[in-house]
Amino acid sequence: MIPQKCIDRNCPRKGIDGKGTDVCILYQVNEKKELAVLDVFNVSEKQCKQLRASAEEIMRKQAEQRFGEVKEMAVKPIEGERSEE
C-alpha cells in the first residue's frame, strides 16, 4: 500500500508516527492510549479492506452507545444539486 491510497480512501486508520512515517493504526494497546501501528507499505490491499471495515464497525458501535441506535437516516441533496424529478 502507498500513503496516497490511504488518503484517497479517507481511511480512518491512517496516521503518522513520531518519526513522520505514514502508518496504519491497528488497535489501541492499553488505557495509556498507546497504539499498535504498521508501516503502510507493509499493509496489503486485502488487509486494508478488513481494517477499514473493522474501524467502521467500531465507530458505528460507539455512536450507538453515545446517541442510541439510529432509527432513520435522512440525507438531503448538497446545495446546488437538483433533484431529478
PDB file of N, CA and C in Angstrom:
ATOM      1  N   MET A   1       0.866  -1.169   0.000  1.00  0.00           N
ATOM      2  CA  MET A   1       0.000   0.000   0.000  1.00  0.00           C
ATOM      3  C   MET A   1       0.905   1.222   0.000  1.00  0.00           C
ATOM      4  N   ILE A   2       0.441   2.282  -0.625  1.00  0.00           N
ATOM      5  CA  ILE A   2       1.181   3.545  -0.579  1.00  0.00           C
ATOM      6  C   ILE A   2       0.348   4.567   0.200  1.00  0.00           C
ATOM      7  N   PRO A   3       1.014   5.537   0.845  1.00  0.00           N
ATOM      8  CA  PRO A   3       0.262   6.508   1.667  1.00  0.00           C
ATOM      9  C   PRO A   3      -0.841   7.227   0.909  1.00  0.00           C
ATOM     10  N   GLN A   4      -0.641   7.524  -0.375  1.00  0.00           N
ATOM     11  CA  GLN A   4      -1.660   8.249  -1.137  1.00  0.00           C
ATOM     12  C   GLN A   4      -2.959   7.450  -1.227  1.00  0.00           C
ATOM     13  N   LYS A   5      -2.874   6.108  -1.284  1.00  0.00           N
ATOM     14  CA  LYS A   5      -4.095   5.294  -1.330  1.00  0.00           C
ATOM     15  C   LYS A   5      -4.885   5.447  -0.033  1.00  0.00           C
ATOM     16  N   CYS A   6      -4.182   5.529   1.097  1.00  0.00           N
ATOM     17  CA  CYS A   6      -4.867   5.743   2.384  1.00  0.00           C
ATOM     18  C   CYS A   6      -5.616   7.073   2.360  1.00  0.00           C
ATOM     19  N   ILE A   7      -4.953   8.090   1.822  1.00  0.00           N
ATOM     20  CA  ILE A   7      -5.555   9.424   1.756  1.00  0.00           C
ATOM     21  C   ILE A   7      -6.752   9.406   0.817  1.00  0.00           C
ATOM     22  N   ASP A   8      -6.590   8.781  -0.362  1.00  0.00           N
ATOM     23  CA  ASP A   8      -7.685   8.711  -1.336  1.00  0.00           C
ATOM     24  C   ASP A   8      -8.902   8.009  -0.754  1.00  0.00           C
ATOM     25  N   ARG A   9      -8.679   6.992   0.060  1.00  0.00           N
ATOM     26  CA  ARG A   9      -9.774   6.221   0.662  1.00  0.00           C
ATOM     27  C   ARG A   9     -10.310   6.876   1.922  1.00  0.00           C
ATOM     28  N   ASN A  10      -9.666   7.971   2.347  1.00  0.00           N
ATOM     29  CA  ASN A  10     -10.052   8.648   3.580  1.00  0.00           C
ATOM     30  C   ASN A  10     -10.099   7.643   4.729  1.00  0.00           C
ATOM     31  N   CYS A  11      -9.055   6.836   4.809  1.00  0.00           N
ATOM     32  CA  CYS A  11      -9.019   5.736   5.776  1.00  0.00           C
ATOM     33  C   CYS A  11      -8.907   6.261   7.203  1.00  0.00           C
ATOM     34  N   PRO A  12      -9.804   5.831   8.092  1.00  0.00           N
ATOM     35  CA  PRO A  12      -9.755   6.295   9.480  1.00  0.00           C
ATOM     36  C   PRO A  12      -8.565   5.735  10.246  1.00  0.00           C
ATOM     37  N   ARG A  13      -7.869   4.758   9.682  1.00  0.00           N
ATOM     38  CA  ARG A  13      -6.736   4.147  10.377  1.00  0.00           C
ATOM     39  C   ARG A  13      -5.396   4.759  10.007  1.00  0.00           C
ATOM     40  N   LYS A  14      -5.377   5.692   9.060  1.00  0.00           N
ATOM     41  CA  LYS A  14      -4.100   6.279   8.656  1.00  0.00           C
ATOM     42  C   LYS A  14      -3.627   7.259   9.715  1.00  0.00           C
ATOM     43  N   GLY A  15      -2.341   7.207  10.006  1.00  0.00           N
ATOM     44  CA  GLY A  15      -1.744   8.135  10.953  1.00  0.00           C
ATOM     45  C   GLY A  15      -0.293   8.364  10.614  1.00  0.00           C
ATOM     46  N   ILE A  16       0.354   9.208  11.378  1.00  0.00           N
ATOM     47  CA  ILE A  16       1.782   9.473  11.202  1.00  0.00           C
ATOM     48  C   ILE A  16       2.431   9.294  12.565  1.00  0.00           C
ATOM     49  N   ASP A  17       3.472   8.451  12.614  1.00  0.00           N
ATOM     50  CA  ASP A  17       4.121   8.208  13.898  1.00  0.00           C
ATOM     51  C   ASP A  17       5.068   9.354  14.243  1.00  0.00           C
ATOM     52  N   GLY A  18       5.732   9.252  15.376  1.00  0.00           N
ATOM     53  CA  GLY A  18       6.625  10.311  15.851  1.00  0.00           C
ATOM     54  C   GLY A  18       7.805  10.589  14.947  1.00  0.00           C
ATOM     55  N   LYS A  19       8.116   9.664  14.057  1.00  0.00           N
ATOM     56  CA  LYS A  19       9.246   9.834  13.139  1.00  0.00           C
ATOM     57  C   LYS A  19       8.813  10.386  11.786  1.00  0.00           C
ATOM     58  N   GLY A  20       7.506  10.640  11.614  1.00  0.00           N
ATOM     59  CA  GLY A  20       6.997  11.166  10.351  1.00  0.00           C
ATOM     60  C   GLY A  20       6.673  10.092   9.330  1.00  0.00           C
ATOM     61  N   THR A  21       6.620   8.835   9.767  1.00  0.00           N
ATOM     62  CA  THR A  21       6.312   7.719   8.870  1.00  0.00           C
ATOM     63  C   THR A  21       4.804   7.511   8.789  1.00  0.00           C
ATOM     64  N   ASP A  22       4.278   7.312   7.565  1.00  0.00           N
ATOM     65  CA  ASP A  22       2.857   7.010   7.405  1.00  0.00           C
ATOM     66  C   ASP A  22       2.602   5.602   7.923  1.00  0.00           C
ATOM     67  N   VAL A  23       1.657   5.479   8.843  1.00  0.00           N
ATOM     68  CA  VAL A  23       1.370   4.189   9.462  1.00  0.00           C
ATOM     69  C   VAL A  23      -0.116   3.876   9.422  1.00  0.00           C
ATOM     70  N   CYS A  24      -0.408   2.598   9.545  1.00  0.00           N
ATOM     71  CA  CYS A  24      -1.773   2.113   9.680  1.00  0.00           C
ATOM     72  C   CYS A  24      -1.961   1.775  11.157  1.00  0.00           C
ATOM     73  N   ILE A  25      -2.942   2.404  11.798  1.00  0.00           N
ATOM     74  CA  ILE A  25      -3.191   2.178  13.220  1.00  0.00           C
ATOM     75  C   ILE A  25      -4.023   0.915  13.352  1.00  0.00           C
ATOM     76  N   LEU A  26      -3.433  -0.119  13.939  1.00  0.00           N
ATOM     77  CA  LEU A  26      -4.096  -1.410  14.014  1.00  0.00           C
ATOM     78  C   LEU A  26      -5.090  -1.464  15.159  1.00  0.00           C
ATOM     79  N   TYR A  27      -4.684  -1.060  16.362  1.00  0.00           N
ATOM     80  CA  TYR A  27      -5.585  -1.085  17.505  1.00  0.00           C
ATOM     81  C   TYR A  27      -4.939  -0.368  18.675  1.00  0.00           C
ATOM     82  N   GLN A  28      -5.749  -0.051  19.682  1.00  0.00           N
ATOM     83  CA  GLN A  28      -5.228   0.561  20.906  1.00  0.00           C
ATOM     84  C   GLN A  28      -4.764  -0.547  21.826  1.00  0.00           C
ATOM     85  N   VAL A  29      -3.541  -0.435  22.312  1.00  0.00           N
ATOM     86  CA  VAL A  29      -2.953  -1.497  23.122  1.00  0.00           C
ATOM     87  C   VAL A  29      -3.443  -1.445  24.565  1.00  0.00           C
ATOM     88  N   ASN A  30      -3.525  -0.251  25.146  1.00  0.00           N
ATOM     89  CA  ASN A  30      -3.896  -0.147  26.563  1.00  0.00           C
ATOM     90  C   ASN A  30      -4.545   1.195  26.867  1.00  0.00           C
ATOM     91  N   GLU A  31      -4.875   1.401  28.146  1.00  0.00           N
ATOM     92  CA  GLU A  31      -5.556   2.628  28.557  1.00  0.00           C
ATOM     93  C   GLU A  31      -4.673   3.856  28.431  1.00  0.00           C
ATOM     94  N   LYS A  32      -3.370   3.683  28.299  1.00  0.00           N
ATOM     95  CA  LYS A  32      -2.460   4.817  28.177  1.00  0.00           C
ATOM     96  C   LYS A  32      -2.503   5.418  26.777  1.00  0.00           C
ATOM     97  N   LYS A  33      -3.404   4.921  25.949  1.00  0.00           N
ATOM     98  CA  LYS A  33      -3.571   5.406  24.579  1.00  0.00           C
ATOM     99  C   LYS A  33      -2.366   5.077  23.705  1.00  0.00           C
ATOM    100  N   GLU A  34      -1.653   3.997  24.065  1.00  0.00           N
ATOM    101  CA  GLU A  34      -0.569   3.528  23.208  1.00  0.00           C
ATOM    102  C   GLU A  34      -1.187   2.699  22.087  1.00  0.00           C
ATOM    103  N   LEU A  35      -0.684   2.894  20.881  1.00  0.00           N
ATOM    104  CA  LEU A  35      -1.255   2.240  19.711  1.00  0.00           C
ATOM    105  C   LEU A  35      -0.273   1.266  19.087  1.00  0.00           C
ATOM    106  N   ALA A  36      -0.812   0.208  18.498  1.00  0.00           N
ATOM    107  CA  ALA A  36      -0.001  -0.698  17.683  1.00  0.00           C
ATOM    108  C   ALA A  36      -0.171  -0.217  16.249  1.00  0.00           C
ATOM    109  N   VAL A  37       0.937  -0.001  15.562  1.00  0.00           N
ATOM    110  CA  VAL A  37       0.888   0.525  14.201  1.00  0.00           C
ATOM    111  C   VAL A  37       1.754  -0.325  13.277  1.00  0.00           C
ATOM    112  N   LEU A  38       1.481  -0.190  11.989  1.00  0.00           N
ATOM    113  CA  LEU A  38       2.231  -0.898  10.957  1.00  0.00           C
ATOM    114  C   LEU A  38       2.523   0.093   9.841  1.00  0.00           C
ATOM    115  N   ASP A  39       3.739   0.097   9.341  1.00  0.00           N
ATOM    116  CA  ASP A  39       4.105   0.959   8.212  1.00  0.00           C
ATOM    117  C   ASP A  39       3.142   0.675   7.061  1.00  0.00           C
ATOM    118  N   VAL A  40       2.569   1.712   6.444  1.00  0.00           N
ATOM    119  CA  VAL A  40       1.553   1.493   5.411  1.00  0.00           C
ATOM    120  C   VAL A  40       2.075   0.675   4.232  1.00  0.00           C
ATOM    121  N   PHE A  41       3.378   0.726   3.984  1.00  0.00           N
ATOM    122  CA  PHE A  41       3.948  -0.043   2.874  1.00  0.00           C
ATOM    123  C   PHE A  41       3.878  -1.544   3.141  1.00  0.00           C
ATOM    124  N   ASN A  42       3.666  -1.940   4.402  1.00  0.00           N
ATOM    125  CA  ASN A  42       3.580  -3.351   4.764  1.00  0.00           C
ATOM    126  C   ASN A  42       2.139  -3.846   4.904  1.00  0.00           C
ATOM    127  N   VAL A  43       1.171  -3.036   4.482  1.00  0.00           N
ATOM    128  CA  VAL A  43      -0.242  -3.415   4.557  1.00  0.00           C
ATOM    129  C   VAL A  43      -0.710  -3.815   3.158  1.00  0.00           C
ATOM    130  N   SER A  44      -1.275  -5.019   3.037  1.00  0.00           N
ATOM    131  CA  SER A  44      -1.784  -5.472   1.737  1.00  0.00           C
ATOM    132  C   SER A  44      -3.159  -4.872   1.473  1.00  0.00           C
ATOM    133  N   GLU A  45      -3.606  -4.940   0.215  1.00  0.00           N
ATOM    134  CA  GLU A  45      -4.937  -4.428  -0.159  1.00  0.00           C
ATOM    135  C   GLU A  45      -6.033  -5.133   0.650  1.00  0.00           C
ATOM    136  N   LYS A  46      -5.913  -6.451   0.776  1.00  0.00           N
ATOM    137  CA  LYS A  46      -6.930  -7.231   1.497  1.00  0.00           C
ATOM    138  C   LYS A  46      -6.966  -6.843   2.971  1.00  0.00           C
ATOM    139  N   GLN A  47      -5.791  -6.734   3.581  1.00  0.00           N
ATOM    140  CA  GLN A  47      -5.719  -6.359   4.993  1.00  0.00           C
ATOM    141  C   GLN A  47      -6.282  -4.952   5.200  1.00  0.00           C
ATOM    142  N   CYS A  48      -5.992  -4.049   4.262  1.00  0.00           N
ATOM    143  CA  CYS A  48      -6.504  -2.682   4.333  1.00  0.00           C
ATOM    144  C   CYS A  48      -8.028  -2.691   4.366  1.00  0.00           C
ATOM    145  N   LYS A  49      -8.632  -3.444   3.465  1.00  0.00           N
ATOM    146  CA  LYS A  49     -10.094  -3.515   3.390  1.00  0.00           C
ATOM    147  C   LYS A  49     -10.680  -4.035   4.700  1.00  0.00           C
ATOM    148  N   GLN A  50     -10.064  -5.072   5.272  1.00  0.00           N
ATOM    149  CA  GLN A  50     -10.547  -5.643   6.533  1.00  0.00           C
ATOM    150  C   GLN A  50     -10.407  -4.644   7.678  1.00  0.00           C
ATOM    151  N   LEU A  51      -9.296  -3.943   7.731  1.00  0.00           N
ATOM    152  CA  LEU A  51      -9.066  -2.968   8.796  1.00  0.00           C
ATOM    153  C   LEU A  51     -10.037  -1.799   8.712  1.00  0.00           C
ATOM    154  N   ARG A  52     -10.304  -1.317   7.490  1.00  0.00           N
ATOM    155  CA  ARG A  52     -11.262  -0.214   7.329  1.00  0.00           C
ATOM    156  C   ARG A  52     -12.662  -0.655   7.742  1.00  0.00           C
ATOM    157  N   ALA A  53     -13.029  -1.893   7.396  1.00  0.00           N
ATOM    158  CA  ALA A  53     -14.357  -2.408   7.766  1.00  0.00           C
ATOM    159  C   ALA A  53     -14.483  -2.507   9.282  1.00  0.00           C
ATOM    160  N   SER A  54     -13.432  -2.983   9.950  1.00  0.00           N
ATOM    161  CA  SER A  54     -13.495  -3.103  11.408  1.00  0.00           C
ATOM    162  C   SER A  54     -13.541  -1.722  12.058  1.00  0.00           C
ATOM    163  N   ALA A  55     -12.848  -0.740  11.485  1.00  0.00           N
ATOM    164  CA  ALA A  55     -12.882   0.620  12.031  1.00  0.00           C
ATOM    165  C   ALA A  55     -14.283   1.207  11.908  1.00  0.00           C
ATOM    166  N   GLU A  56     -14.940   0.985  10.766  1.00  0.00           N
ATOM    167  CA  GLU A  56     -16.299   1.488  10.568  1.00  0.00           C
ATOM    168  C   GLU A  56     -17.261   0.850  11.568  1.00  0.00           C
ATOM    169  N   GLU A  57     -17.092  -0.436  11.831  1.00  0.00           N
ATOM    170  CA  GLU A  57     -17.955  -1.144  12.790  1.00  0.00           C
ATOM    171  C   GLU A  57     -17.754  -0.578  14.196  1.00  0.00           C
ATOM    172  N   ILE A  58     -16.510  -0.340  14.574  1.00  0.00           N
ATOM    173  CA  ILE A  58     -16.210   0.210  15.900  1.00  0.00           C
ATOM    174  C   ILE A  58     -16.836   1.601  16.046  1.00  0.00           C
ATOM    175  N   MET A  59     -16.695   2.449  15.022  1.00  0.00           N
ATOM    176  CA  MET A  59     -17.259   3.799  15.086  1.00  0.00           C
ATOM    177  C   MET A  59     -18.782   3.750  15.159  1.00  0.00           C
ATOM    178  N   ARG A  60     -19.400   2.822  14.436  1.00  0.00           N
ATOM    179  CA  ARG A  60     -20.863   2.692  14.476  1.00  0.00           C
ATOM    180  C   ARG A  60     -21.315   2.296  15.878  1.00  0.00           C
ATOM    181  N   LYS A  61     -20.615   1.341  16.503  1.00  0.00           N
ATOM    182  CA  LYS A  61     -20.979   0.897  17.859  1.00  0.00           C
ATOM    183  C   LYS A  61     -20.802   2.022  18.873  1.00  0.00           C
ATOM    184  N   GLN A  62     -19.722   2.790  18.725  1.00  0.00           N
ATOM    185  CA  GLN A  62     -19.501   3.908  19.648  1.00  0.00           C
ATOM    186  C   GLN A  62     -20.588   4.958  19.501  1.00  0.00           C
ATOM    187  N   ALA A  63     -21.020   5.217  18.269  1.00  0.00           N
ATOM    188  CA  ALA A  63     -22.086   6.192  18.036  1.00  0.00           C
ATOM    189  C   ALA A  63     -23.390   5.702  18.661  1.00  0.00           C
ATOM    190  N   GLU A  64     -23.662   4.408  18.541  1.00  0.00           N
ATOM    191  CA  GLU A  64     -24.885   3.847  19.142  1.00  0.00           C
ATOM    192  C   GLU A  64     -24.855   3.979  20.659  1.00  0.00           C
ATOM    193  N   GLN A  65     -23.691   3.761  21.257  1.00  0.00           N
ATOM    194  CA  GLN A  65     -23.584   3.871  22.716  1.00  0.00           C
ATOM    195  C   GLN A  65     -23.811   5.303  23.175  1.00  0.00           C
ATOM    196  N   ARG A  66     -23.307   6.263  22.390  1.00  0.00           N
ATOM    197  CA  ARG A  66     -23.455   7.670  22.762  1.00  0.00           C
ATOM    198  C   ARG A  66     -24.834   8.210  22.479  1.00  0.00           C
ATOM    199  N   PHE A  67     -25.399   7.856  21.333  1.00  0.00           N
ATOM    200  CA  PHE A  67     -26.632   8.500  20.882  1.00  0.00           C
ATOM    201  C   PHE A  67     -27.815   7.560  20.747  1.00  0.00           C
ATOM    202  N   GLY A  68     -27.639   6.285  21.018  1.00  0.00           N
ATOM    203  CA  GLY A  68     -28.715   5.322  20.809  1.00  0.00           C
ATOM    204  C   GLY A  68     -28.705   4.822  19.380  1.00  0.00           C
ATOM    205  N   GLU A  69     -29.468   3.813  19.108  1.00  0.00           N
ATOM    206  CA  GLU A  69     -29.497   3.215  17.776  1.00  0.00           C
ATOM    207  C   GLU A  69     -30.146   4.165  16.770  1.00  0.00           C
ATOM    208  N   VAL A  70     -29.565   4.230  15.595  1.00  0.00           N
ATOM    209  CA  VAL A  70     -30.100   5.088  14.542  1.00  0.00           C
ATOM    210  C   VAL A  70     -31.364   4.449  13.983  1.00  0.00           C
ATOM    211  N   LYS A  71     -32.457   5.201  14.012  1.00  0.00           N
ATOM    212  CA  LYS A  71     -33.732   4.683  13.510  1.00  0.00           C
ATOM    213  C   LYS A  71     -33.918   5.000  12.044  1.00  0.00           C
ATOM    214  N   GLU A  72     -33.496   6.185  11.645  1.00  0.00           N
ATOM    215  CA  GLU A  72     -33.707   6.619  10.274  1.00  0.00           C
ATOM    216  C   GLU A  72     -32.569   7.549   9.890  1.00  0.00           C
ATOM    217  N   MET A  73     -32.088   7.412   8.674  1.00  0.00           N
ATOM    218  CA  MET A  73     -31.011   8.256   8.197  1.00  0.00           C
ATOM    219  C   MET A  73     -31.590   9.201   7.155  1.00  0.00           C
ATOM    220  N   ALA A  74     -31.490  10.480   7.406  1.00  0.00           N
ATOM    221  CA  ALA A  74     -32.007  11.467   6.458  1.00  0.00           C
ATOM    222  C   ALA A  74     -30.835  12.054   5.683  1.00  0.00           C
ATOM    223  N   VAL A  75     -30.949  12.052   4.382  1.00  0.00           N
ATOM    224  CA  VAL A  75     -29.895  12.594   3.533  1.00  0.00           C
ATOM    225  C   VAL A  75     -30.516  13.646   2.645  1.00  0.00           C
ATOM    226  N   LYS A  76     -29.975  14.853   2.692  1.00  0.00           N
ATOM    227  CA  LYS A  76     -30.508  15.896   1.827  1.00  0.00           C
ATOM    228  C   LYS A  76     -29.481  16.204   0.746  1.00  0.00           C
ATOM    229  N   PRO A  77     -29.938  16.655  -0.417  1.00  0.00           N
ATOM    230  CA  PRO A  77     -29.004  16.946  -1.507  1.00  0.00           C
ATOM    231  C   PRO A  77     -28.074  18.098  -1.146  1.00  0.00           C
ATOM    232  N   ILE A  78     -26.875  18.069  -1.699  1.00  0.00           N
ATOM    233  CA  ILE A  78     -25.924  19.140  -1.495  1.00  0.00           C
ATOM    234  C   ILE A  78     -26.437  20.366  -2.232  1.00  0.00           C
ATOM    235  N   GLU A  79     -26.246  21.527  -1.622  1.00  0.00           N
ATOM    236  CA  GLU A  79     -26.724  22.757  -2.263  1.00  0.00           C
ATOM    237  C   GLU A  79     -26.139  22.885  -3.650  1.00  0.00           C
ATOM    238  N   GLY A  80     -26.978  23.293  -4.577  1.00  0.00           N
ATOM    239  CA  GLY A  80     -26.533  23.445  -5.963  1.00  0.00           C
ATOM    240  C   GLY A  80     -26.907  22.246  -6.821  1.00  0.00           C
ATOM    241  N   GLU A  81     -27.123  21.082  -6.195  1.00  0.00           N
ATOM    242  CA  GLU A  81     -27.559  19.910  -6.950  1.00  0.00           C
ATOM    243  C   GLU A  81     -29.064  19.932  -7.076  1.00  0.00           C
ATOM    244  N   ARG A  82     -29.559  19.547  -8.213  1.00  0.00           N
ATOM    245  CA  ARG A  82     -31.013  19.498  -8.411  1.00  0.00           C
ATOM    246  C   ARG A  82     -31.475  18.062  -8.356  1.00  0.00           C
ATOM    247  N   SER A  83     -32.625  17.874  -7.747  1.00  0.00           N
ATOM    248  CA  SER A  83     -33.178  16.520  -7.734  1.00  0.00           C
ATOM    249  C   SER A  83     -33.796  16.236  -9.092  1.00  0.00           C
ATOM    250  N   GLU A  84     -33.685  15.001  -9.521  1.00  0.00           N
ATOM    251  CA  GLU A  84     -34.215  14.611 -10.831  1.00  0.00           C
ATOM    252  C   GLU A  84     -35.663  14.196 -10.692  1.00  0.00           C
ATOM    253  N   GLU A  85     -36.547  15.137 -10.884  1.00  0.00           N
ATOM    254  CA  GLU A  85     -37.978  14.851 -10.754  1.00  0.00           C
ATOM    255  C   GLU A  85     -38.652  14.975 -12.092  1.00  0.00           C
TER     256      GLU A  85
END
